[in-house]
Amino acid sequence: MALLLVVVTLVITLADAGTGPQLHFALFMGIAPLIAALRCGYRWTALVAAVYVLCQVFIQVRLVPDWSVASKVVGAFGALLVAVFALVLCRTRLEREALYARTRMVADAVQREMLRELPLSAGPLEAYGFYVSAQEGARVGGDIYEAVETPHGLRLMIGDVQGKGMPAIGAGHEVLASFREAAHYKDSLEAVAERMEQALARYNVRSAERGGQERFVTALLLEVRGEDGTKVLSCGHIPYYLVRDGQVTERNDGEGGLPLGLDWLTGEARQSVAVEPVADDWIVLCTDGVTEARGADGAFYPLADRLARWTHLEPDELARTLRADLERFTGGELKDDATVLIVRRGPHAAGRQPAVDQAESGGQAEARGQAGSRDQAEDQDQLSMARAAAA
């Protein structure tokens, strides 16, 4: 770009030299340093500005002999001002681009820590899919998801915060953090959901005190416990889809529970539902940003029909196909955050058991206990030595 601007400036200056003093196209070339300031680096902008100033001085000295000395000085000084302004503009642009890059890097790091990138894995389970924020430039928003391997089995969650985009992040983060913590320490899905409810209630209180909006969250919790089968608990979330032998079935297991944040309306305890999946089953979870996405004719996105059409695809390819099809269907104008999770047992899941089934033998537990005792004794000795040294 800079070299092109230099060549154009020189060509126009030479053309002016051949046309005589009556017409000067080079007087309009002040735009060249400004274009360089917006598109090029600082040194290249300086080169374009220098060539522009030299060409203008040449025109003032050689091509306009009838002008007074004062007019020529004013013309050269005006060209110099344009060049200086272009350099200042370029420097300002580069500083803002650097600041934006640093800010974007920090924001990306924070967002990646909040919401892990897909695919997820938890023991033998794999979760492929996609997440698209309704707010341009954001990686996270009102949809949340997680999959963890815990002492109580494999647990997976997908949720949808009231609202969309960046304003819904706070409530989503509270619910997601409480799930990650409670999933490891609570024995039942009901207890996990209760902790999520409590976390969201505290967030709503703080939000109301600051004049913010209280929010609720729909969520679907899934638990796989080896021989104990699978349980599903719905907190007002939309149904999920079961893919078995190429057939797609909409499942409403556990439907009827209130969303998180609205438990105070009835005070009724949530109940999980036991299901009996087959080893080759796929489960497709999504948020209403997918099922309620509208096309140009106002029709809703037919997710079940699309799944039935592409059940032969591998999960990663199915996720890419669904995302591309959803963008085509909506013309790239999603009105809400959209998430799809395609969950199945991995190809190497045979022989693997969740953490709850990986019980240690008595000898292993005793050996580990003895090792722990030795480590504790060593720590005590080191602590005593440190105290003596300090004294």
Protein backbone atom coordinates (compact mmCIF):
# COMPACT_ATOMS: atom_id res chain seq x y z
CA MET A 1 0.00 0.00 0.00
CA ALA A 2 2.77 2.47 0.95
CA LEU A 3 4.76 1.75 -2.21
CA LEU A 4 1.64 2.15 -4.32
CA LEU A 5 0.92 5.54 -2.74
CA VAL A 6 4.51 6.64 -3.34
CA VAL A 7 4.35 5.60 -7.00
CA VAL A 8 0.99 7.35 -7.53
CA THR A 9 2.30 10.55 -5.89
CA LEU A 10 5.39 10.57 -8.11
CA VAL A 11 3.40 9.83 -11.28
CA ILE A 12 0.93 12.64 -10.59
CA THR A 13 3.79 15.04 -9.83
CA LEU A 14 5.48 14.19 -13.13
CA ALA A 15 2.15 14.60 -14.91
CA ASP A 16 1.83 18.06 -13.37
CA ALA A 17 5.29 18.91 -14.62
CA GLY A 18 4.16 18.16 -18.17
CA THR A 19 0.88 20.09 -18.04
CA GLY A 20 2.31 23.46 -17.10
CA PRO A 21 1.43 25.83 -14.26
CA GLN A 22 -2.28 26.10 -15.09
CA LEU A 23 -3.39 22.75 -13.56
CA HIS A 24 -1.93 20.95 -10.54
CA PHE A 25 -3.37 17.50 -9.72
CA ALA A 26 -0.67 16.96 -7.09
CA LEU A 27 -2.38 19.47 -4.82
CA PHE A 28 -5.01 16.78 -4.15
CA MET A 29 -2.42 14.17 -3.15
CA GLY A 30 -2.62 15.23 0.50
CA ILE A 31 -4.91 12.25 0.87
CA ALA A 32 -1.99 9.85 0.27
CA PRO A 33 -0.32 10.33 3.70
CA LEU A 34 -3.75 10.05 5.37
CA ILE A 35 -4.48 6.74 3.65
CA ALA A 36 -1.04 5.50 4.72
CA ALA A 37 -1.75 6.59 8.31
CA LEU A 38 -4.89 4.42 8.35
CA ARG A 39 -3.46 1.38 6.61
CA CYS A 40 0.32 1.24 7.04
CA GLY A 41 2.95 1.08 9.77
CA TYR A 42 4.67 4.15 11.17
CA ARG A 43 7.83 3.92 9.04
CA TRP A 44 5.91 3.35 5.82
CA THR A 45 3.63 6.26 6.66
CA ALA A 46 6.71 8.43 7.25
CA LEU A 47 8.03 7.41 3.81
CA VAL A 48 4.77 8.35 2.07
CA ALA A 49 4.60 11.64 3.98
CA ALA A 50 8.21 12.51 3.09
CA VAL A 51 7.66 11.81 -0.61
CA TYR A 52 4.49 13.90 -0.52
CA VAL A 53 6.27 16.86 1.11
CA LEU A 54 9.20 16.68 -1.36
CA CYS A 55 6.81 16.57 -4.31
CA GLN A 56 4.89 19.56 -3.01
CA VAL A 57 8.11 21.54 -2.48
CA PHE A 58 9.19 20.65 -6.02
CA ILE A 59 5.86 21.91 -7.36
CA GLN A 60 6.07 25.15 -5.37
CA VAL A 61 9.64 25.87 -6.48
CA ARG A 62 9.72 24.69 -10.10
CA LEU A 63 6.18 24.56 -11.46
CA VAL A 64 4.61 27.82 -10.18
CA PRO A 65 7.13 30.55 -11.00
CA ASP A 66 4.46 33.27 -10.95
CA TRP A 67 3.68 32.69 -7.24
CA SER A 68 5.24 34.93 -4.64
CA VAL A 69 7.78 33.60 -2.19
CA ALA A 70 5.27 33.93 0.64
CA SER A 71 2.69 31.83 -1.25
CA LYS A 72 5.28 29.16 -1.93
CA VAL A 73 6.29 29.06 1.74
CA VAL A 74 2.66 28.78 2.79
CA GLY A 75 2.09 25.94 0.32
CA ALA A 76 5.17 24.03 1.53
CA PHE A 77 4.22 24.63 5.16
CA GLY A 78 0.69 23.30 4.49
CA ALA A 79 2.15 20.13 2.99
CA LEU A 80 4.36 19.73 6.06
CA LEU A 81 1.35 20.09 8.35
CA VAL A 82 -0.50 17.36 6.44
CA ALA A 83 2.54 15.09 6.78
CA VAL A 84 2.85 15.71 10.52
CA PHE A 85 -0.87 15.14 11.03
CA ALA A 86 -0.61 11.83 9.14
CA LEU A 87 2.26 10.70 11.40
CA VAL A 88 0.34 11.64 14.57
CA LEU A 89 -2.75 9.85 13.27
CA CYS A 90 -0.72 6.74 12.45
CA ARG A 91 0.91 6.68 15.89
CA THR A 92 -2.46 7.10 17.61
CA ARG A 93 -3.98 4.31 15.54
CA LEU A 94 -1.10 1.94 16.30
CA GLU A 95 -1.32 2.66 20.04
CA ARG A 96 -5.06 2.01 20.07
CA GLU A 97 -4.62 -1.19 18.08
CA ALA A 98 -2.01 -2.37 20.58
CA LEU A 99 -4.31 -1.50 23.49
CA TYR A 100 -7.20 -3.31 21.82
CA ALA A 101 -5.02 -6.36 21.20
CA ARG A 102 -3.97 -6.49 24.87
CA THR A 103 -7.54 -6.01 26.05
CA ARG A 104 -8.79 -8.69 23.67
CA MET A 105 -6.10 -11.09 24.85
CA VAL A 106 -7.09 -10.59 28.50
CA ALA A 107 -10.79 -10.90 27.68
CA ASP A 108 -10.20 -14.09 25.69
CA ALA A 109 -8.21 -15.59 28.56
CA VAL A 110 -10.94 -14.76 31.09
CA GLN A 111 -13.69 -16.09 28.84
CA ARG A 112 -11.80 -19.31 28.10
CA GLU A 113 -11.37 -19.92 31.82
CA MET A 114 -15.05 -19.32 32.47
CA LEU A 115 -16.37 -21.54 29.69
CA ARG A 116 -14.14 -24.34 28.44
CA GLU A 117 -13.80 -24.80 24.74
CA LEU A 118 -15.48 -27.73 23.07
CA PRO A 119 -15.09 -30.66 22.82
CA LEU A 120 -15.29 -31.61 26.50
CA SER A 121 -14.41 -34.97 28.03
CA ALA A 122 -15.35 -36.50 31.37
CA GLY A 123 -14.23 -40.07 31.82
CA PRO A 124 -15.56 -42.06 28.87
CA LEU A 125 -18.02 -39.35 27.88
CA GLU A 126 -17.26 -36.92 25.07
CA ALA A 127 -19.23 -33.76 24.37
CA TYR A 128 -18.82 -32.13 20.96
CA GLY A 129 -20.80 -29.14 19.77
CA PHE A 130 -20.66 -25.39 19.37
CA TYR A 131 -21.47 -22.19 21.20
CA VAL A 132 -22.34 -18.93 19.46
CA SER A 133 -22.85 -15.72 21.43
CA ALA A 134 -25.56 -13.34 20.27
CA GLN A 135 -23.21 -10.44 21.01
CA GLU A 136 -20.60 -9.88 18.34
CA GLY A 137 -17.04 -10.32 19.54
CA ALA A 138 -17.96 -12.20 22.72
CA ARG A 139 -16.95 -15.80 23.41
CA VAL A 140 -19.35 -16.23 26.32
CA GLY A 141 -22.78 -14.96 27.18
CA GLY A 142 -26.03 -16.34 28.52
CA ASP A 143 -25.42 -20.04 27.79
CA ILE A 144 -23.30 -22.25 30.06
CA TYR A 145 -22.20 -25.87 29.98
CA GLU A 146 -19.77 -28.19 31.76
CA ALA A 147 -18.82 -31.86 32.06
CA VAL A 148 -16.83 -33.23 35.02
CA GLU A 149 -15.73 -36.61 36.35
CA THR A 150 -16.47 -36.79 40.07
CA PRO A 151 -16.47 -39.40 42.87
CA HIS A 152 -20.24 -39.55 42.31
CA GLY A 153 -20.08 -40.35 38.60
CA LEU A 154 -19.88 -38.39 35.39
CA ARG A 155 -21.91 -35.21 35.55
CA LEU A 156 -22.83 -32.87 32.74
CA MET A 157 -24.80 -29.64 32.73
CA ILE A 158 -26.17 -27.24 30.15
CA GLY A 159 -27.93 -24.01 31.10
CA ASP A 160 -29.50 -20.90 29.65
CA VAL A 161 -29.55 -17.62 31.58
CA GLN A 162 -32.47 -15.25 31.22
CA GLY A 163 -31.28 -12.61 28.80
CA LYS A 164 -28.42 -12.89 26.36
CA GLY A 165 -24.93 -11.72 25.61
CA MET A 166 -22.59 -10.03 28.06
CA PRO A 167 -25.22 -8.79 30.57
CA ALA A 168 -26.08 -12.42 31.42
CA ILE A 169 -22.49 -13.44 32.20
CA GLY A 170 -22.65 -12.68 35.93
CA ALA A 171 -25.56 -15.01 36.68
CA GLY A 172 -24.14 -17.66 34.38
CA HIS A 173 -20.77 -17.57 36.10
CA GLU A 174 -22.35 -17.98 39.56
CA VAL A 175 -24.36 -21.02 38.48
CA LEU A 176 -21.47 -22.57 36.58
CA ALA A 177 -19.03 -22.15 39.48
CA SER A 178 -21.51 -23.64 41.95
CA PHE A 179 -22.06 -26.65 39.67
CA ARG A 180 -18.33 -27.29 39.35
CA GLU A 181 -17.97 -27.24 43.13
CA ALA A 182 -21.13 -29.09 44.13
CA ALA A 183 -20.73 -31.81 41.49
CA HIS A 184 -17.66 -33.11 43.35
CA TYR A 185 -19.10 -33.02 46.87
CA LYS A 186 -22.85 -33.61 46.61
CA ASP A 187 -24.07 -37.17 46.30
CA SER A 188 -27.28 -36.45 44.34
CA LEU A 189 -28.29 -34.28 41.43
CA GLU A 190 -30.99 -32.77 43.63
CA ALA A 191 -28.34 -31.56 46.08
CA VAL A 192 -26.25 -30.16 43.23
CA ALA A 193 -29.25 -28.27 41.88
CA GLU A 194 -29.98 -26.93 45.36
CA ARG A 195 -26.47 -25.49 45.63
CA MET A 196 -26.86 -23.89 42.21
CA GLU A 197 -30.17 -22.43 43.35
CA GLN A 198 -28.56 -20.95 46.46
CA ALA A 199 -25.68 -19.45 44.48
CA LEU A 200 -28.06 -17.78 42.03
CA ALA A 201 -30.22 -16.47 44.90
CA ARG A 202 -27.17 -14.78 46.44
CA TYR A 203 -26.25 -13.29 43.08
CA ASN A 204 -29.77 -11.92 42.60
CA VAL A 205 -29.67 -10.27 46.03
CA ARG A 206 -26.36 -8.55 45.21
CA SER A 207 -27.62 -7.57 41.77
CA ALA A 208 -30.79 -6.04 43.21
CA GLU A 209 -28.77 -4.05 45.75
CA ARG A 210 -26.75 -2.55 42.89
CA GLY A 211 -29.89 -1.76 40.91
CA GLY A 212 -29.31 -4.61 38.48
CA GLN A 213 -31.69 -7.21 37.14
CA GLU A 214 -32.56 -10.42 38.94
CA ARG A 215 -32.30 -13.43 36.63
CA PHE A 216 -33.33 -17.05 36.45
CA VAL A 217 -31.53 -19.92 34.72
CA THR A 218 -32.92 -23.00 33.03
CA ALA A 219 -30.63 -26.01 33.34
CA LEU A 220 -30.48 -29.70 32.50
CA LEU A 221 -28.26 -31.94 34.63
CA LEU A 222 -27.12 -35.41 33.54
CA GLU A 223 -25.42 -38.04 35.72
CA VAL A 224 -23.87 -41.36 34.68
CA ARG A 225 -22.98 -43.79 37.49
CA GLY A 226 -21.65 -47.06 36.13
CA GLU A 227 -23.99 -49.82 37.27
CA ASP A 228 -26.44 -47.38 38.82
CA GLY A 229 -27.53 -46.14 35.39
CA THR A 230 -28.21 -42.59 34.28
CA LYS A 231 -30.25 -39.81 35.85
CA VAL A 232 -31.60 -36.59 34.39
CA LEU A 233 -32.80 -33.53 36.30
CA SER A 234 -34.43 -30.64 34.48
CA CYS A 235 -34.70 -27.18 35.94
CA GLY A 236 -37.16 -25.74 33.46
CA HIS A 237 -34.89 -26.52 30.51
CA ILE A 238 -36.11 -27.49 27.05
CA PRO A 239 -36.18 -31.22 26.13
CA TYR A 240 -33.13 -33.05 24.89
CA TYR A 241 -32.85 -35.46 21.96
CA LEU A 242 -31.97 -39.15 22.07
CA VAL A 243 -30.35 -40.64 18.96
CA ARG A 244 -30.68 -44.45 18.96
CA ASP A 245 -30.14 -46.68 15.92
CA GLY A 246 -30.47 -43.69 13.61
CA GLN A 247 -33.79 -42.60 15.13
CA VAL A 248 -34.19 -39.22 16.85
CA THR A 249 -36.56 -38.96 19.81
CA GLU A 250 -37.39 -35.86 21.81
CA ARG A 251 -37.17 -36.67 25.53
CA ASN A 252 -38.95 -34.79 28.30
CA ASP A 253 -37.43 -36.69 31.23
CA GLY A 254 -37.74 -34.66 34.42
CA GLU A 255 -39.77 -31.94 32.70
CA GLY A 256 -41.81 -29.69 34.95
CA GLY A 257 -39.15 -28.44 37.37
CA LEU A 258 -38.88 -24.70 37.88
CA PRO A 259 -35.83 -22.81 36.58
CA LEU A 260 -33.07 -21.95 39.01
CA GLY A 261 -33.86 -18.71 40.79
CA LEU A 262 -37.64 -19.37 40.87
CA ASP A 263 -37.72 -22.12 43.49
CA TRP A 264 -39.34 -19.74 45.96
CA LEU A 265 -42.56 -19.76 43.90
CA THR A 266 -43.58 -23.26 45.02
CA GLY A 267 -40.92 -24.53 47.44
CA GLU A 268 -41.24 -27.99 45.91
CA ALA A 269 -38.11 -30.12 45.80
CA ARG A 270 -36.74 -31.03 42.39
CA GLN A 271 -36.63 -34.70 41.47
CA SER A 272 -34.27 -36.47 39.10
CA VAL A 273 -35.52 -39.18 36.74
CA ALA A 274 -33.73 -42.45 36.02
CA VAL A 275 -33.24 -43.36 32.35
CA GLU A 276 -31.78 -46.44 30.72
CA PRO A 277 -29.52 -45.54 27.80
CA VAL A 278 -27.94 -48.07 25.47
CA ALA A 279 -24.17 -48.10 24.99
CA ASP A 280 -24.38 -46.66 21.45
CA ASP A 281 -26.88 -43.89 22.27
CA TRP A 282 -26.16 -40.27 21.53
CA ILE A 283 -27.71 -37.47 23.54
CA VAL A 284 -28.07 -34.01 21.99
CA LEU A 285 -28.55 -31.11 24.38
CA CYS A 286 -29.24 -27.56 23.28
CA THR A 287 -30.57 -24.19 24.39
CA ASP A 288 -33.61 -22.38 23.04
CA GLY A 289 -31.36 -20.12 21.01
CA VAL A 290 -31.18 -23.07 18.59
CA THR A 291 -34.75 -24.37 18.61
CA GLU A 292 -36.26 -20.86 18.56
CA ALA A 293 -33.96 -19.48 15.87
CA ARG A 294 -36.09 -18.19 12.99
CA GLY A 295 -35.50 -18.23 9.29
CA ALA A 296 -36.41 -15.57 6.75
CA ASP A 297 -39.99 -16.91 6.60
CA GLY A 298 -40.39 -16.82 10.39
CA ALA A 299 -40.23 -20.62 10.81
CA PHE A 300 -38.34 -22.13 13.75
CA TYR A 301 -35.16 -24.09 13.14
CA PRO A 302 -36.13 -27.80 12.75
CA LEU A 303 -33.37 -29.31 14.88
CA ALA A 304 -34.97 -32.76 15.17
CA ASP A 305 -35.34 -33.05 11.39
CA ARG A 306 -31.77 -31.96 10.83
CA LEU A 307 -30.49 -34.49 13.37
CA ALA A 308 -32.47 -37.29 11.72
CA ARG A 309 -30.91 -36.34 8.39
CA TRP A 310 -27.31 -36.43 9.67
CA THR A 311 -27.22 -39.24 12.26
CA HIS A 312 -24.57 -41.03 10.17
CA LEU A 313 -22.04 -38.25 10.80
CA GLU A 314 -19.39 -38.40 13.51
CA PRO A 315 -20.03 -36.04 16.46
CA ASP A 316 -17.41 -33.47 15.48
CA GLU A 317 -18.58 -33.40 11.87
CA LEU A 318 -22.22 -33.28 12.98
CA ALA A 319 -21.43 -30.25 15.18
CA ARG A 320 -19.78 -28.39 12.29
CA THR A 321 -22.64 -29.29 9.94
CA LEU A 322 -25.31 -28.13 12.39
CA ARG A 323 -23.56 -24.83 13.02
CA ALA A 324 -23.14 -24.08 9.32
CA ASP A 325 -26.76 -25.05 8.65
CA LEU A 326 -28.03 -22.89 11.52
CA GLU A 327 -26.14 -19.87 10.20
CA ARG A 328 -27.54 -20.44 6.71
CA PHE A 329 -31.05 -20.88 8.08
CA THR A 330 -30.96 -17.62 10.03
CA GLY A 331 -28.92 -15.68 7.51
CA GLY A 332 -26.19 -15.26 10.15
CA GLU A 333 -28.51 -13.20 12.41
CA LEU A 334 -28.97 -15.12 15.65
CA LYS A 335 -31.19 -13.28 18.14
CA ASP A 336 -30.06 -15.32 21.17
CA ASP A 337 -27.06 -17.29 22.38
CA ALA A 338 -27.07 -20.76 20.80
CA THR A 339 -25.44 -23.91 22.18
CA VAL A 340 -25.49 -27.54 21.07
CA LEU A 341 -23.80 -30.43 22.92
CA ILE A 342 -23.54 -33.86 21.27
CA VAL A 343 -22.77 -36.35 24.05
CA ARG A 344 -21.72 -39.95 23.58
CA ARG A 345 -19.34 -42.54 24.96
CA GLY A 346 -15.92 -42.21 23.38
CA PRO A 347 -14.56 -44.89 21.03
CA HIS A 348 -12.10 -46.00 23.74
CA ALA A 349 -14.65 -46.09 26.55
CA ALA A 350 -14.71 -49.89 26.78
CA GLY A 351 -13.35 -51.02 30.10
CA ARG A 352 -13.34 -47.52 31.55
CA GLN A 353 -15.44 -46.76 34.60
CA PRO A 354 -16.38 -43.48 36.23
CA ALA A 355 -14.51 -42.33 39.29
CA VAL A 356 -17.17 -43.83 41.59
CA ASP A 357 -16.34 -47.32 40.33
CA GLN A 358 -12.58 -47.00 40.58
CA ALA A 359 -12.43 -48.21 44.17
CA GLU A 360 -9.03 -48.95 45.63
CA SER A 361 -8.27 -52.38 46.99
CA GLY A 362 -7.60 -52.65 50.71
CA GLY A 363 -3.86 -53.11 50.14
CA GLN A 364 -3.67 -50.06 47.87
CA ALA A 365 -5.58 -47.94 50.37
CA GLU A 366 -3.37 -49.10 53.25
CA ALA A 367 -0.19 -48.41 51.28
CA ARG A 368 -1.43 -44.96 50.34
CA GLY A 369 -2.34 -44.30 53.98
CA GLN A 370 1.14 -45.32 55.14
CA ALA A 371 2.72 -43.08 52.50
CA GLY A 372 0.53 -40.23 53.63
CA SER A 373 1.60 -40.79 57.26
CA ARG A 374 5.28 -40.72 56.29
CA ASP A 375 4.72 -37.49 54.30
CA GLN A 376 2.94 -35.95 57.28
CA ALA A 377 5.79 -36.92 59.63
CA GLU A 378 8.34 -35.40 57.25
CA ASP A 379 6.31 -32.20 57.07
CA GLN A 380 6.24 -32.01 60.87
CA ASP A 381 10.03 -32.48 61.09
CA GLN A 382 10.59 -29.74 58.51
CA LEU A 383 8.24 -27.43 60.38
CA SER A 384 10.11 -28.02 63.66
CA MET A 385 13.45 -27.32 62.00
CA ALA A 386 12.06 -24.11 60.51
CA ARG A 387 10.81 -22.95 63.90
CA ALA A 388 14.18 -23.70 65.52
CA ALA A 389 15.99 -21.77 62.81
CA ALA A 390 13.63 -18.84 63.25
CA ALA A 391 14.22 -18.86 67.01
